[in-house]
Amino acid sequence: MAKVRTCLWFASDAEQAVHRYVELIPESRIERVQRSPGPWPGGKAGDALVIDFTLGEQAFQALNGGTRVDYGTAASISVACADQAEVDRLWAALTADGGAAIQCGWLRDRWGVPWQIVPTALPSSTSQPSSARRRGRRRQSYRSARASRPCLSARRAALPSHASRF
């Protein structure tokens, strides 16, 4: 078991969320489920209380806390995607059934957890020196929701000519 884990708080459906997450992200698994021995404020005996899991080789813990909390946007789960197909697959799955777009590459899933679905080319584009025109295109792309082809096209246009392209 990892010494350090990020803990995600859920009302009572942590197990459902974790199963969905490990199904979507390669190299993921559920490691341990601690179940309630008796009734608790958020549920009944046998309910999952704490779930230790690995998501893309990163350690997490899910906790059923009995009430829903607002995650805000100060922290998120960031997933580096190799190509547009992976961006589209994860975006569709995570925004389904009540999830919502936040801005270019950011979304909130149906449980309220914020995610960044980021093409691997995107971080390098933001670290490259840029002209005022490129900065303007980059700002414009942030206003888009999903890291979709139009959003990424604006980001690619902001790349210097020597930078790798997505």
Protein backbone atom coordinates (compact mmCIF):
# COMPACT_ATOMS: atom_id res chain seq x y z
CA MET A 1 0.00 0.00 0.00
CA ALA A 2 1.24 3.47 -0.88
CA LYS A 3 2.33 5.68 1.99
CA VAL A 4 0.63 8.75 0.46
CA ARG A 5 -2.80 8.69 -1.22
CA THR A 6 -5.17 11.37 -2.41
CA CYS A 7 -8.52 10.88 -0.67
CA LEU A 8 -11.75 11.62 -2.55
CA TRP A 9 -14.92 12.17 -0.48
CA PHE A 10 -18.26 10.80 -1.69
CA ALA A 11 -21.70 10.82 -0.07
CA SER A 12 -22.42 7.09 -0.34
CA ASP A 13 -21.49 6.03 -3.86
CA ALA A 14 -17.68 5.84 -3.67
CA GLU A 15 -17.68 2.22 -4.76
CA GLN A 16 -19.67 3.00 -7.92
CA ALA A 17 -17.36 5.90 -8.76
CA VAL A 18 -14.18 3.88 -8.16
CA HIS A 19 -15.40 1.01 -10.34
CA ARG A 20 -16.08 3.53 -13.12
CA TYR A 21 -12.68 5.18 -12.75
CA VAL A 22 -10.66 1.95 -12.82
CA GLU A 23 -12.67 0.80 -15.85
CA LEU A 24 -11.75 3.99 -17.76
CA ILE A 25 -8.08 4.50 -16.93
CA PRO A 26 -5.47 1.90 -17.95
CA GLU A 27 -3.17 0.50 -15.24
CA SER A 28 -5.83 0.95 -12.56
CA ARG A 29 -7.13 -1.41 -9.90
CA ILE A 30 -9.06 -1.63 -6.65
CA GLU A 31 -6.72 -2.72 -3.89
CA ARG A 32 -8.87 -2.89 -0.78
CA VAL A 33 -12.43 -2.19 0.28
CA GLN A 34 -13.17 -1.60 3.96
CA ARG A 35 -16.83 -2.28 4.68
CA SER A 36 -18.97 -1.01 7.54
CA PRO A 37 -19.54 -3.65 10.23
CA GLY A 38 -22.86 -2.03 11.16
CA PRO A 39 -25.19 0.87 10.39
CA TRP A 40 -23.48 4.23 10.05
CA PRO A 41 -24.80 7.79 9.51
CA GLY A 42 -24.56 7.45 5.71
CA GLY A 43 -25.74 3.86 5.24
CA LYS A 44 -26.00 0.30 6.41
CA ALA A 45 -23.83 -2.64 7.41
CA GLY A 46 -21.75 -3.93 4.52
CA ASP A 47 -21.52 -0.60 2.69
CA ALA A 48 -18.07 0.41 1.50
CA LEU A 49 -16.55 3.00 3.83
CA VAL A 50 -13.02 3.34 2.45
CA ILE A 51 -11.67 2.08 -0.87
CA ASP A 52 -7.96 2.07 -1.66
CA PHE A 53 -7.32 2.07 -5.39
CA THR A 54 -4.74 2.87 -8.00
CA LEU A 55 -5.65 5.03 -10.95
CA GLY A 56 -3.07 5.01 -13.75
CA GLU A 57 -0.39 4.02 -11.23
CA GLN A 58 -1.36 6.88 -8.85
CA ALA A 59 -2.59 5.98 -5.35
CA PHE A 60 -6.06 7.14 -4.28
CA GLN A 61 -8.54 6.49 -1.55
CA ALA A 62 -12.30 6.95 -1.75
CA LEU A 63 -14.31 7.65 1.38
CA ASN A 64 -18.07 7.47 1.83
CA GLY A 65 -18.68 10.37 4.19
CA GLY A 66 -22.48 10.38 4.26
CA THR A 67 -22.93 13.82 2.67
CA ARG A 68 -21.86 15.23 -0.68
CA VAL A 69 -19.08 17.82 -0.65
CA ASP A 70 -18.03 20.46 -3.15
CA TYR A 71 -14.54 19.78 -4.49
CA GLY A 72 -14.04 23.24 -5.96
CA THR A 73 -11.43 23.47 -8.69
CA ALA A 74 -8.22 23.97 -6.71
CA ALA A 75 -7.33 20.30 -7.21
CA SER A 76 -8.24 17.85 -9.95
CA ILE A 77 -7.32 14.48 -11.40
CA SER A 78 -5.20 15.16 -14.46
CA VAL A 79 -4.97 12.54 -17.21
CA ALA A 80 -2.37 12.81 -19.99
CA CYS A 81 -3.91 11.53 -23.23
CA ALA A 82 -1.84 10.22 -26.11
CA ASP A 83 -4.29 11.21 -28.85
CA GLN A 84 -7.65 12.76 -29.70
CA ALA A 85 -9.41 9.38 -29.53
CA GLU A 86 -8.40 9.01 -25.87
CA VAL A 87 -9.45 12.60 -25.12
CA ASP A 88 -12.85 11.95 -26.73
CA ARG A 89 -13.33 8.58 -24.97
CA LEU A 90 -12.57 9.91 -21.49
CA TRP A 91 -14.47 13.15 -22.05
CA ALA A 92 -17.61 11.31 -23.14
CA ALA A 93 -17.44 8.81 -20.27
CA LEU A 94 -16.71 11.34 -17.53
CA THR A 95 -19.31 13.91 -18.60
CA ALA A 96 -22.02 11.25 -19.10
CA ASP A 97 -24.91 10.95 -16.64
CA GLY A 98 -24.60 14.39 -15.08
CA GLY A 99 -20.97 15.40 -15.60
CA ALA A 100 -20.25 18.86 -17.02
CA ALA A 101 -17.60 20.80 -18.90
CA ILE A 102 -15.65 23.47 -17.02
CA GLN A 103 -13.21 24.85 -19.64
CA CYS A 104 -10.58 23.67 -22.14
CA GLY A 105 -9.75 20.18 -20.97
CA TRP A 106 -11.41 20.53 -17.55
CA LEU A 107 -14.61 18.79 -16.52
CA ARG A 108 -16.52 17.70 -13.46
CA ASP A 109 -17.83 14.12 -13.40
CA ARG A 110 -21.27 13.09 -12.12
CA TRP A 111 -19.88 12.79 -8.57
CA GLY A 112 -18.51 16.34 -8.65
CA VAL A 113 -14.84 15.33 -8.96
CA PRO A 114 -12.88 17.75 -11.19
CA TRP A 115 -10.71 16.26 -13.95
CA GLN A 116 -8.27 17.62 -16.52
CA ILE A 117 -8.22 15.61 -19.73
CA VAL A 118 -5.02 16.86 -21.33
CA PRO A 119 -3.34 15.84 -24.59
CA THR A 120 0.35 15.15 -23.96
CA ALA A 121 1.26 17.95 -26.42
CA LEU A 122 -0.63 20.59 -24.41
CA PRO A 123 1.77 21.15 -21.47
CA SER A 124 4.73 21.63 -23.81
CA SER A 125 2.80 24.26 -25.76
CA THR A 126 2.28 26.37 -22.67
CA SER A 127 5.96 26.29 -21.75
CA GLN A 128 7.20 27.53 -25.15
CA PRO A 129 8.04 31.20 -25.64
CA SER A 130 5.23 32.83 -27.52
CA SER A 131 4.34 35.95 -29.39
CA ALA A 132 1.37 38.14 -28.50
CA ARG A 133 -0.60 36.46 -31.31
CA ARG A 134 0.10 32.98 -29.89
CA ARG A 135 -0.81 34.15 -26.37
CA GLY A 136 -4.12 35.48 -27.72
CA ARG A 137 -4.90 32.16 -29.40
CA ARG A 138 -3.97 30.31 -26.22
CA ARG A 139 -6.32 32.50 -24.15
CA GLN A 140 -9.06 31.88 -26.71
CA SER A 141 -8.58 28.11 -26.45
CA TYR A 142 -9.01 28.26 -22.66
CA ARG A 143 -12.52 29.60 -23.17
CA SER A 144 -13.52 26.38 -24.97
CA ALA A 145 -14.84 23.54 -22.87
CA ARG A 146 -13.44 20.21 -24.00
CA ALA A 147 -9.94 19.72 -25.32
CA SER A 148 -11.59 19.08 -28.65
CA ARG A 149 -10.26 19.51 -32.13
CA PRO A 150 -11.20 23.23 -32.28
CA CYS A 151 -9.73 23.85 -28.84
CA LEU A 152 -6.59 21.91 -29.72
CA SER A 153 -6.34 23.60 -33.12
CA ALA A 154 -6.21 26.95 -31.37
CA ARG A 155 -3.57 25.55 -29.01
CA ARG A 156 -1.55 24.13 -31.95
CA ALA A 157 -1.70 27.47 -33.71
CA ALA A 158 -0.20 29.00 -30.59
CA LEU A 159 2.77 26.61 -30.75
CA PRO A 160 6.07 27.85 -32.11
CA SER A 161 6.89 26.21 -35.44
CA HIS A 162 9.65 24.06 -33.87
CA ALA A 163 7.43 22.59 -31.12
CA SER A 164 6.02 19.09 -31.39
CA ARG A 165 2.46 18.92 -32.61
CA PHE A 166 -0.47 16.89 -31.29
